[in-house]
Amino acid sequence: MDMSNQSGKPVARTHTGRYVPDVKLWTGIAAVTAAITLLTEFLVRTALGPRPDLDDTKALAEFVTSTSTATLTIILCDTLLMGSLIVFLAGFRQLVTRDHPELDWIGNIVFGAGIVFVSITLVGDSMEAGGALDTVGADAAPVAIRALTEGYMPIFGPMGAVLIAIVAAASGYATMASGALPRWTGWVAYAVAALNVAAVPTIYGGTNDRDFYSVGGWGVAAFATFPWLVWVIVVGVVTIRDRRRIVESGRDEARVV
């Protein structure tokens, strides 16, 4: 039986004989999946246009009613995005701690804070989906929609920003200390952490999503959450390219032998 991979090196197996998944490959696949779902979510949300003011209950109910299908599509995309982030976070922790067990506690911070971010994001998604479902087959209840909207705004805003700042800062340090990824990805992670720290005070900025620096404003998404997701995608691409380089190098070595 062939026990080699494409590079000519033995394929890792568990004690039961099963193949061990390639951490770089699956970290990259998770990042690419995140990129696809993020792009889809961005395009659909952009098409929705701005949400009416929460005080305009009639316009708010009409907006949520007319956009309920698109909103549920966004929630589905975000759920898939969160699933891919779980795989990415596990893969990233393995990459930076595999050869440096002394960094294990830093990797645990990355993974733990990332999982909490995924968890609260899914809670916020559920609240947003609840507002959309409130309009399906029944008249929208503006009071309920407003309450749900005001509930998920801090989750998607400053609460998420605090957790992303922790994930990004710890990721930057682990990248620099381990050398598992190019150093520039570590510096980018530090920059992302700083942007998210700057987004935390938006909790005091009101609820108008057309305002840049409000709890529901586009500034948090554009300059805090989005840069981190872009960093995730970039790291995934880097890991895939590095894996391909190793495979090609292994093939060259096999030819020489």
C-alpha atoms as a PDB file:
ATOM      1  CA  MET A   1       0.000   0.000   0.000  1.00  0.00           C
ATOM      2  CA  ASP A   2       1.292   3.478  -0.906  1.00  0.00           C
ATOM      3  CA  MET A   3       1.989   5.316   2.319  1.00  0.00           C
ATOM      4  CA  SER A   4       3.371   8.480   0.693  1.00  0.00           C
ATOM      5  CA  ASN A   5       1.840  11.780  -0.213  1.00  0.00           C
ATOM      6  CA  GLN A   6       2.570  13.832  -3.330  1.00  0.00           C
ATOM      7  CA  SER A   7       5.886  15.013  -1.903  1.00  0.00           C
ATOM      8  CA  GLY A   8       7.121  11.460  -1.516  1.00  0.00           C
ATOM      9  CA  LYS A   9       7.097  11.723   2.283  1.00  0.00           C
ATOM     10  CA  PRO A  10       5.160   9.336   4.574  1.00  0.00           C
ATOM     11  CA  VAL A  11       1.573  10.281   5.280  1.00  0.00           C
ATOM     12  CA  ALA A  12       0.821  10.749   8.974  1.00  0.00           C
ATOM     13  CA  ARG A  13      -1.619   8.238  10.426  1.00  0.00           C
ATOM     14  CA  THR A  14      -3.335   7.786  13.766  1.00  0.00           C
ATOM     15  CA  HIS A  15      -2.871   4.646  15.872  1.00  0.00           C
ATOM     16  CA  THR A  16      -6.032   3.255  14.227  1.00  0.00           C
ATOM     17  CA  GLY A  17      -4.563   3.666  10.757  1.00  0.00           C
ATOM     18  CA  ARG A  18      -6.589   6.681   9.683  1.00  0.00           C
ATOM     19  CA  TYR A  19      -4.942   9.528   7.803  1.00  0.00           C
ATOM     20  CA  VAL A  20      -4.229  12.690   9.794  1.00  0.00           C
ATOM     21  CA  PRO A  21      -5.716  15.683   7.934  1.00  0.00           C
ATOM     22  CA  ASP A  22      -3.168  18.204   6.636  1.00  0.00           C
ATOM     23  CA  VAL A  23      -3.491  21.202   8.974  1.00  0.00           C
ATOM     24  CA  LYS A  24      -2.197  23.696   6.396  1.00  0.00           C
ATOM     25  CA  LEU A  25      -4.578  22.425   3.744  1.00  0.00           C
ATOM     26  CA  TRP A  26      -7.632  22.587   5.972  1.00  0.00           C
ATOM     27  CA  THR A  27      -6.670  25.946   7.441  1.00  0.00           C
ATOM     28  CA  GLY A  28      -6.497  27.243   3.878  1.00  0.00           C
ATOM     29  CA  ILE A  29      -9.779  25.597   2.860  1.00  0.00           C
ATOM     30  CA  ALA A  30     -11.504  27.153   5.875  1.00  0.00           C
ATOM     31  CA  ALA A  31     -10.137  30.584   4.932  1.00  0.00           C
ATOM     32  CA  VAL A  32     -11.268  30.231   1.303  1.00  0.00           C
ATOM     33  CA  THR A  33     -14.724  29.185   2.501  1.00  0.00           C
ATOM     34  CA  ALA A  34     -14.769  32.246   4.735  1.00  0.00           C
ATOM     35  CA  ALA A  35     -13.857  34.418   1.744  1.00  0.00           C
ATOM     36  CA  ILE A  36     -16.703  33.038  -0.382  1.00  0.00           C
ATOM     37  CA  THR A  37     -19.337  33.399   2.336  1.00  0.00           C
ATOM     38  CA  LEU A  38     -18.065  36.859   3.316  1.00  0.00           C
ATOM     39  CA  LEU A  39     -18.257  38.101  -0.275  1.00  0.00           C
ATOM     40  CA  THR A  40     -21.771  36.705  -0.678  1.00  0.00           C
ATOM     41  CA  GLU A  41     -22.879  38.259   2.589  1.00  0.00           C
ATOM     42  CA  PHE A  42     -21.354  41.616   1.659  1.00  0.00           C
ATOM     43  CA  LEU A  43     -23.063  41.728  -1.749  1.00  0.00           C
ATOM     44  CA  VAL A  44     -26.470  40.807  -0.351  1.00  0.00           C
ATOM     45  CA  ARG A  45     -26.234  43.248   2.565  1.00  0.00           C
ATOM     46  CA  THR A  46     -25.085  46.065   0.275  1.00  0.00           C
ATOM     47  CA  ALA A  47     -28.127  45.488  -1.918  1.00  0.00           C
ATOM     48  CA  LEU A  48     -30.439  45.959   1.080  1.00  0.00           C
ATOM     49  CA  GLY A  49     -29.541  49.612   1.565  1.00  0.00           C
ATOM     50  CA  PRO A  50     -29.574  51.495   4.874  1.00  0.00           C
ATOM     51  CA  ARG A  51     -31.996  50.580   7.624  1.00  0.00           C
ATOM     52  CA  PRO A  52     -34.544  53.239   8.679  1.00  0.00           C
ATOM     53  CA  ASP A  53     -34.176  54.918  12.068  1.00  0.00           C
ATOM     54  CA  LEU A  54     -35.429  52.800  14.932  1.00  0.00           C
ATOM     55  CA  ASP A  55     -37.790  55.594  15.979  1.00  0.00           C
ATOM     56  CA  ASP A  56     -39.603  55.339  12.623  1.00  0.00           C
ATOM     57  CA  THR A  57     -41.480  52.181  13.546  1.00  0.00           C
ATOM     58  CA  LYS A  58     -43.629  52.043  10.402  1.00  0.00           C
ATOM     59  CA  ALA A  59     -40.678  52.393   8.026  1.00  0.00           C
ATOM     60  CA  LEU A  60     -38.672  49.917  10.125  1.00  0.00           C
ATOM     61  CA  ALA A  61     -41.422  47.284   9.914  1.00  0.00           C
ATOM     62  CA  GLU A  62     -41.783  47.789   6.156  1.00  0.00           C
ATOM     63  CA  PHE A  63     -38.026  47.558   5.645  1.00  0.00           C
ATOM     64  CA  VAL A  64     -37.651  44.335   7.643  1.00  0.00           C
ATOM     65  CA  THR A  65     -40.673  42.843   5.882  1.00  0.00           C
ATOM     66  CA  SER A  66     -39.385  43.634   2.397  1.00  0.00           C
ATOM     67  CA  THR A  67     -35.861  42.386   3.167  1.00  0.00           C
ATOM     68  CA  SER A  68     -36.682  39.305   5.257  1.00  0.00           C
ATOM     69  CA  THR A  69     -35.596  36.760   2.626  1.00  0.00           C
ATOM     70  CA  ALA A  70     -32.320  38.572   1.962  1.00  0.00           C
ATOM     71  CA  THR A  71     -31.710  38.900   5.716  1.00  0.00           C
ATOM     72  CA  LEU A  72     -32.193  35.167   6.248  1.00  0.00           C
ATOM     73  CA  THR A  73     -29.767  34.529   3.385  1.00  0.00           C
ATOM     74  CA  ILE A  74     -27.217  36.748   5.119  1.00  0.00           C
ATOM     75  CA  ILE A  75     -27.728  34.850   8.378  1.00  0.00           C
ATOM     76  CA  LEU A  76     -27.173  31.532   6.604  1.00  0.00           C
ATOM     77  CA  CYS A  77     -23.974  32.845   5.010  1.00  0.00           C
ATOM     78  CA  ASP A  78     -22.778  34.169   8.361  1.00  0.00           C
ATOM     79  CA  THR A  79     -23.466  30.811  10.008  1.00  0.00           C
ATOM     80  CA  LEU A  80     -21.325  29.083   7.367  1.00  0.00           C
ATOM     81  CA  LEU A  81     -18.686  31.772   7.903  1.00  0.00           C
ATOM     82  CA  MET A  82     -18.639  31.091  11.636  1.00  0.00           C
ATOM     83  CA  GLY A  83     -18.296  27.369  10.980  1.00  0.00           C
ATOM     84  CA  SER A  84     -15.293  27.952   8.754  1.00  0.00           C
ATOM     85  CA  LEU A  85     -13.757  30.215  11.414  1.00  0.00           C
ATOM     86  CA  ILE A  86     -13.899  27.374  13.946  1.00  0.00           C
ATOM     87  CA  VAL A  87     -11.827  25.206  11.605  1.00  0.00           C
ATOM     88  CA  PHE A  88      -9.463  28.092  10.873  1.00  0.00           C
ATOM     89  CA  LEU A  89      -8.904  28.893  14.548  1.00  0.00           C
ATOM     90  CA  ALA A  90      -8.120  25.256  15.352  1.00  0.00           C
ATOM     91  CA  GLY A  91      -5.737  25.061  12.400  1.00  0.00           C
ATOM     92  CA  PHE A  92      -3.995  28.319  13.281  1.00  0.00           C
ATOM     93  CA  ARG A  93      -3.453  27.207  16.876  1.00  0.00           C
ATOM     94  CA  GLN A  94      -1.898  23.976  15.626  1.00  0.00           C
ATOM     95  CA  LEU A  95       0.380  25.814  13.183  1.00  0.00           C
ATOM     96  CA  VAL A  96       1.865  28.150  15.787  1.00  0.00           C
ATOM     97  CA  THR A  97       2.159  25.623  18.638  1.00  0.00           C
ATOM     98  CA  ARG A  98       3.148  22.401  16.851  1.00  0.00           C
ATOM     99  CA  ASP A  99       6.871  23.103  17.068  1.00  0.00           C
ATOM    100  CA  HIS A 100       6.643  25.523  19.990  1.00  0.00           C
ATOM    101  CA  PRO A 101       4.702  23.977  22.897  1.00  0.00           C
ATOM    102  CA  GLU A 102       5.745  26.899  25.093  1.00  0.00           C
ATOM    103  CA  LEU A 103       3.310  29.021  23.034  1.00  0.00           C
ATOM    104  CA  ASP A 104       0.410  26.700  23.733  1.00  0.00           C
ATOM    105  CA  TRP A 105      -1.238  29.098  26.181  1.00  0.00           C
ATOM    106  CA  ILE A 106      -1.075  31.900  23.584  1.00  0.00           C
ATOM    107  CA  GLY A 107      -2.667  29.569  21.053  1.00  0.00           C
ATOM    108  CA  ASN A 108      -5.382  28.778  23.583  1.00  0.00           C
ATOM    109  CA  ILE A 109      -6.118  32.492  23.948  1.00  0.00           C
ATOM    110  CA  VAL A 110      -6.508  32.786  20.177  1.00  0.00           C
ATOM    111  CA  PHE A 111      -8.786  29.767  20.000  1.00  0.00           C
ATOM    112  CA  GLY A 112     -10.769  30.525  23.149  1.00  0.00           C
ATOM    113  CA  ALA A 113     -11.468  34.184  22.359  1.00  0.00           C
ATOM    114  CA  GLY A 114     -12.229  33.229  18.768  1.00  0.00           C
ATOM    115  CA  ILE A 115     -14.765  30.616  19.843  1.00  0.00           C
ATOM    116  CA  VAL A 116     -16.456  33.126  22.146  1.00  0.00           C
ATOM    117  CA  PHE A 117     -16.604  35.571  19.212  1.00  0.00           C
ATOM    118  CA  VAL A 118     -18.206  32.897  17.045  1.00  0.00           C
ATOM    119  CA  SER A 119     -20.685  32.080  19.813  1.00  0.00           C
ATOM    120  CA  ILE A 120     -21.887  35.624  20.454  1.00  0.00           C
ATOM    121  CA  THR A 121     -22.030  36.313  16.718  1.00  0.00           C
ATOM    122  CA  LEU A 122     -24.388  33.378  16.293  1.00  0.00           C
ATOM    123  CA  VAL A 123     -26.507  34.794  19.125  1.00  0.00           C
ATOM    124  CA  GLY A 124     -26.642  38.118  17.280  1.00  0.00           C
ATOM    125  CA  ASP A 125     -27.487  36.300  14.049  1.00  0.00           C
ATOM    126  CA  SER A 126     -30.339  34.536  15.819  1.00  0.00           C
ATOM    127  CA  MET A 127     -31.731  37.851  17.040  1.00  0.00           C
ATOM    128  CA  GLU A 128     -31.487  39.376  13.556  1.00  0.00           C
ATOM    129  CA  ALA A 129     -33.120  36.285  12.073  1.00  0.00           C
ATOM    130  CA  GLY A 130     -35.862  36.545  14.689  1.00  0.00           C
ATOM    131  CA  GLY A 131     -36.710  40.034  13.437  1.00  0.00           C
ATOM    132  CA  ALA A 132     -36.926  38.757   9.865  1.00  0.00           C
ATOM    133  CA  LEU A 133     -39.001  35.719  10.823  1.00  0.00           C
ATOM    134  CA  ASP A 134     -41.395  37.975  12.731  1.00  0.00           C
ATOM    135  CA  THR A 135     -42.593  39.278   9.363  1.00  0.00           C
ATOM    136  CA  VAL A 136     -43.078  35.892   7.672  1.00  0.00           C
ATOM    137  CA  GLY A 137     -46.754  34.994   7.426  1.00  0.00           C
ATOM    138  CA  ALA A 138     -47.784  37.697   9.869  1.00  0.00           C
ATOM    139  CA  ASP A 139     -47.787  41.434  10.373  1.00  0.00           C
ATOM    140  CA  ALA A 140     -44.477  42.766  11.632  1.00  0.00           C
ATOM    141  CA  ALA A 141     -44.322  43.842  15.270  1.00  0.00           C
ATOM    142  CA  PRO A 142     -42.226  47.048  15.285  1.00  0.00           C
ATOM    143  CA  VAL A 143     -41.604  46.920  19.031  1.00  0.00           C
ATOM    144  CA  ALA A 144     -40.218  43.385  18.836  1.00  0.00           C
ATOM    145  CA  ILE A 145     -38.106  44.208  15.781  1.00  0.00           C
ATOM    146  CA  ARG A 146     -36.643  47.273  17.477  1.00  0.00           C
ATOM    147  CA  ALA A 147     -35.831  45.322  20.642  1.00  0.00           C
ATOM    148  CA  LEU A 148     -34.106  42.572  18.668  1.00  0.00           C
ATOM    149  CA  THR A 149     -32.173  45.117  16.584  1.00  0.00           C
ATOM    150  CA  GLU A 150     -30.964  47.040  19.630  1.00  0.00           C
ATOM    151  CA  GLY A 151     -30.009  43.715  21.191  1.00  0.00           C
ATOM    152  CA  TYR A 152     -27.727  42.508  18.427  1.00  0.00           C
ATOM    153  CA  MET A 153     -26.056  45.853  17.710  1.00  0.00           C
ATOM    154  CA  PRO A 154     -23.586  45.687  20.643  1.00  0.00           C
ATOM    155  CA  ILE A 155     -22.778  42.075  19.752  1.00  0.00           C
ATOM    156  CA  PHE A 156     -21.804  42.944  16.187  1.00  0.00           C
ATOM    157  CA  GLY A 157     -20.138  46.146  17.381  1.00  0.00           C
ATOM    158  CA  PRO A 158     -18.052  46.782  20.516  1.00  0.00           C
ATOM    159  CA  MET A 159     -18.484  43.354  22.117  1.00  0.00           C
ATOM    160  CA  GLY A 160     -17.205  41.632  19.005  1.00  0.00           C
ATOM    161  CA  ALA A 161     -14.455  44.238  18.664  1.00  0.00           C
ATOM    162  CA  VAL A 162     -13.075  43.434  22.131  1.00  0.00           C
ATOM    163  CA  LEU A 163     -12.878  39.728  21.315  1.00  0.00           C
ATOM    164  CA  ILE A 164     -11.365  40.278  17.867  1.00  0.00           C
ATOM    165  CA  ALA A 165      -8.750  42.573  19.409  1.00  0.00           C
ATOM    166  CA  ILE A 166      -7.744  39.761  21.783  1.00  0.00           C
ATOM    167  CA  VAL A 167      -7.644  37.197  18.974  1.00  0.00           C
ATOM    168  CA  ALA A 168      -5.680  39.483  16.653  1.00  0.00           C
ATOM    169  CA  ALA A 169      -3.136  40.604  19.269  1.00  0.00           C
ATOM    170  CA  ALA A 170      -2.501  37.042  20.444  1.00  0.00           C
ATOM    171  CA  SER A 171      -2.290  35.858  16.828  1.00  0.00           C
ATOM    172  CA  GLY A 172       0.264  38.540  16.036  1.00  0.00           C
ATOM    173  CA  TYR A 173       2.431  37.560  18.977  1.00  0.00           C
ATOM    174  CA  ALA A 174       2.183  33.837  18.222  1.00  0.00           C
ATOM    175  CA  THR A 175       3.061  34.468  14.582  1.00  0.00           C
ATOM    176  CA  MET A 176       6.124  36.508  15.486  1.00  0.00           C
ATOM    177  CA  ALA A 177       7.306  34.121  18.194  1.00  0.00           C
ATOM    178  CA  SER A 178       6.795  30.883  16.289  1.00  0.00           C
ATOM    179  CA  GLY A 179       7.868  31.898  12.808  1.00  0.00           C
ATOM    180  CA  ALA A 180       5.141  29.609  11.442  1.00  0.00           C
ATOM    181  CA  LEU A 181       3.931  32.375   9.130  1.00  0.00           C
ATOM    182  CA  PRO A 182       5.596  35.393   7.495  1.00  0.00           C
ATOM    183  CA  ARG A 183       6.342  38.163   9.997  1.00  0.00           C
ATOM    184  CA  TRP A 184       4.318  40.690   8.019  1.00  0.00           C
ATOM    185  CA  THR A 185       1.149  38.733   8.817  1.00  0.00           C
ATOM    186  CA  GLY A 186       1.953  39.265  12.490  1.00  0.00           C
ATOM    187  CA  TRP A 187       2.298  43.016  12.020  1.00  0.00           C
ATOM    188  CA  VAL A 188      -1.016  43.077  10.142  1.00  0.00           C
ATOM    189  CA  ALA A 189      -2.629  41.214  13.045  1.00  0.00           C
ATOM    190  CA  TYR A 190      -1.343  43.856  15.476  1.00  0.00           C
ATOM    191  CA  ALA A 191      -2.812  46.603  13.259  1.00  0.00           C
ATOM    192  CA  VAL A 192      -6.152  44.788  13.193  1.00  0.00           C
ATOM    193  CA  ALA A 193      -6.100  44.562  16.995  1.00  0.00           C
ATOM    194  CA  ALA A 194      -5.509  48.319  17.264  1.00  0.00           C
ATOM    195  CA  LEU A 195      -8.397  49.068  14.886  1.00  0.00           C
ATOM    196  CA  ASN A 196     -10.736  46.922  16.963  1.00  0.00           C
ATOM    197  CA  VAL A 197      -9.675  48.601  20.206  1.00  0.00           C
ATOM    198  CA  ALA A 198     -10.514  51.938  18.568  1.00  0.00           C
ATOM    199  CA  ALA A 199     -13.982  50.593  17.727  1.00  0.00           C
ATOM    200  CA  VAL A 200     -14.897  49.677  21.316  1.00  0.00           C
ATOM    201  CA  PRO A 201     -16.155  53.175  22.348  1.00  0.00           C
ATOM    202  CA  THR A 202     -18.841  53.003  19.630  1.00  0.00           C
ATOM    203  CA  ILE A 203     -21.060  51.603  22.394  1.00  0.00           C
ATOM    204  CA  TYR A 204     -21.717  55.284  23.218  1.00  0.00           C
ATOM    205  CA  GLY A 205     -22.319  56.348  19.608  1.00  0.00           C
ATOM    206  CA  GLY A 206     -26.053  55.776  19.267  1.00  0.00           C
ATOM    207  CA  THR A 207     -27.954  53.366  17.003  1.00  0.00           C
ATOM    208  CA  ASN A 208     -28.052  55.144  13.649  1.00  0.00           C
ATOM    209  CA  ASP A 209     -26.384  52.703  11.242  1.00  0.00           C
ATOM    210  CA  ARG A 210     -25.672  55.545   8.805  1.00  0.00           C
ATOM    211  CA  ASP A 211     -23.334  57.174  11.337  1.00  0.00           C
ATOM    212  CA  PHE A 212     -19.715  56.101  11.033  1.00  0.00           C
ATOM    213  CA  TYR A 213     -18.959  55.863  14.752  1.00  0.00           C
ATOM    214  CA  SER A 214     -22.195  54.458  16.173  1.00  0.00           C
ATOM    215  CA  VAL A 215     -22.839  51.097  17.792  1.00  0.00           C
ATOM    216  CA  GLY A 216     -24.553  49.939  14.605  1.00  0.00           C
ATOM    217  CA  GLY A 217     -22.563  52.088  12.221  1.00  0.00           C
ATOM    218  CA  TRP A 218     -20.660  50.994   9.159  1.00  0.00           C
ATOM    219  CA  GLY A 219     -17.356  52.099  10.673  1.00  0.00           C
ATOM    220  CA  VAL A 220     -17.131  49.066  12.983  1.00  0.00           C
ATOM    221  CA  ALA A 221     -17.757  46.646  10.127  1.00  0.00           C
ATOM    222  CA  ALA A 222     -15.449  48.411   7.668  1.00  0.00           C
ATOM    223  CA  PHE A 223     -12.511  49.149   9.965  1.00  0.00           C
ATOM    224  CA  ALA A 224     -12.702  46.459  12.667  1.00  0.00           C
ATOM    225  CA  THR A 225     -14.533  43.245  11.755  1.00  0.00           C
ATOM    226  CA  PHE A 226     -13.816  43.264   8.013  1.00  0.00           C
ATOM    227  CA  PRO A 227     -10.016  43.753   8.334  1.00  0.00           C
ATOM    228  CA  TRP A 228      -9.791  40.772  10.680  1.00  0.00           C
ATOM    229  CA  LEU A 229     -11.706  38.550   8.274  1.00  0.00           C
ATOM    230  CA  VAL A 230      -9.419  39.723   5.472  1.00  0.00           C
ATOM    231  CA  TRP A 231      -6.442  38.768   7.667  1.00  0.00           C
ATOM    232  CA  VAL A 232      -7.979  35.310   8.142  1.00  0.00           C
ATOM    233  CA  ILE A 233      -8.302  34.907   4.377  1.00  0.00           C
ATOM    234  CA  VAL A 234      -4.741  36.122   3.758  1.00  0.00           C
ATOM    235  CA  VAL A 235      -3.330  33.693   6.329  1.00  0.00           C
ATOM    236  CA  GLY A 236      -5.275  30.882   4.692  1.00  0.00           C
ATOM    237  CA  VAL A 237      -3.849  31.728   1.275  1.00  0.00           C
ATOM    238  CA  VAL A 238      -0.332  31.915   2.736  1.00  0.00           C
ATOM    239  CA  THR A 239      -0.676  28.463   4.330  1.00  0.00           C
ATOM    240  CA  ILE A 240      -1.906  26.928   1.063  1.00  0.00           C
ATOM    241  CA  ARG A 241       0.958  28.468  -0.888  1.00  0.00           C
ATOM    242  CA  ASP A 242       3.475  27.335   1.719  1.00  0.00           C
ATOM    243  CA  ARG A 243       2.067  23.815   1.601  1.00  0.00           C
ATOM    244  CA  ARG A 244       2.318  23.799  -2.194  1.00  0.00           C
ATOM    245  CA  ARG A 245       5.943  24.962  -1.974  1.00  0.00           C
ATOM    246  CA  ILE A 246       6.764  22.138   0.433  1.00  0.00           C
ATOM    247  CA  VAL A 247       5.068  19.575  -1.809  1.00  0.00           C
ATOM    248  CA  GLU A 248       6.941  20.794  -4.883  1.00  0.00           C
ATOM    249  CA  SER A 249      10.220  20.782  -2.956  1.00  0.00           C
ATOM    250  CA  GLY A 250       9.550  17.220  -1.859  1.00  0.00           C
ATOM    251  CA  ARG A 251       8.922  16.161  -5.432  1.00  0.00           C
ATOM    252  CA  ASP A 252      12.238  17.650  -6.516  1.00  0.00           C
ATOM    253  CA  GLU A 253      14.022  15.804  -3.724  1.00  0.00           C
ATOM    254  CA  ALA A 254      12.314  12.550  -4.715  1.00  0.00           C
ATOM    255  CA  ARG A 255      13.484  12.959  -8.326  1.00  0.00           C
ATOM    256  CA  VAL A 256      17.063  13.499  -7.194  1.00  0.00           C
ATOM    257  CA  VAL A 257      16.973  10.378  -5.056  1.00  0.00           C
END
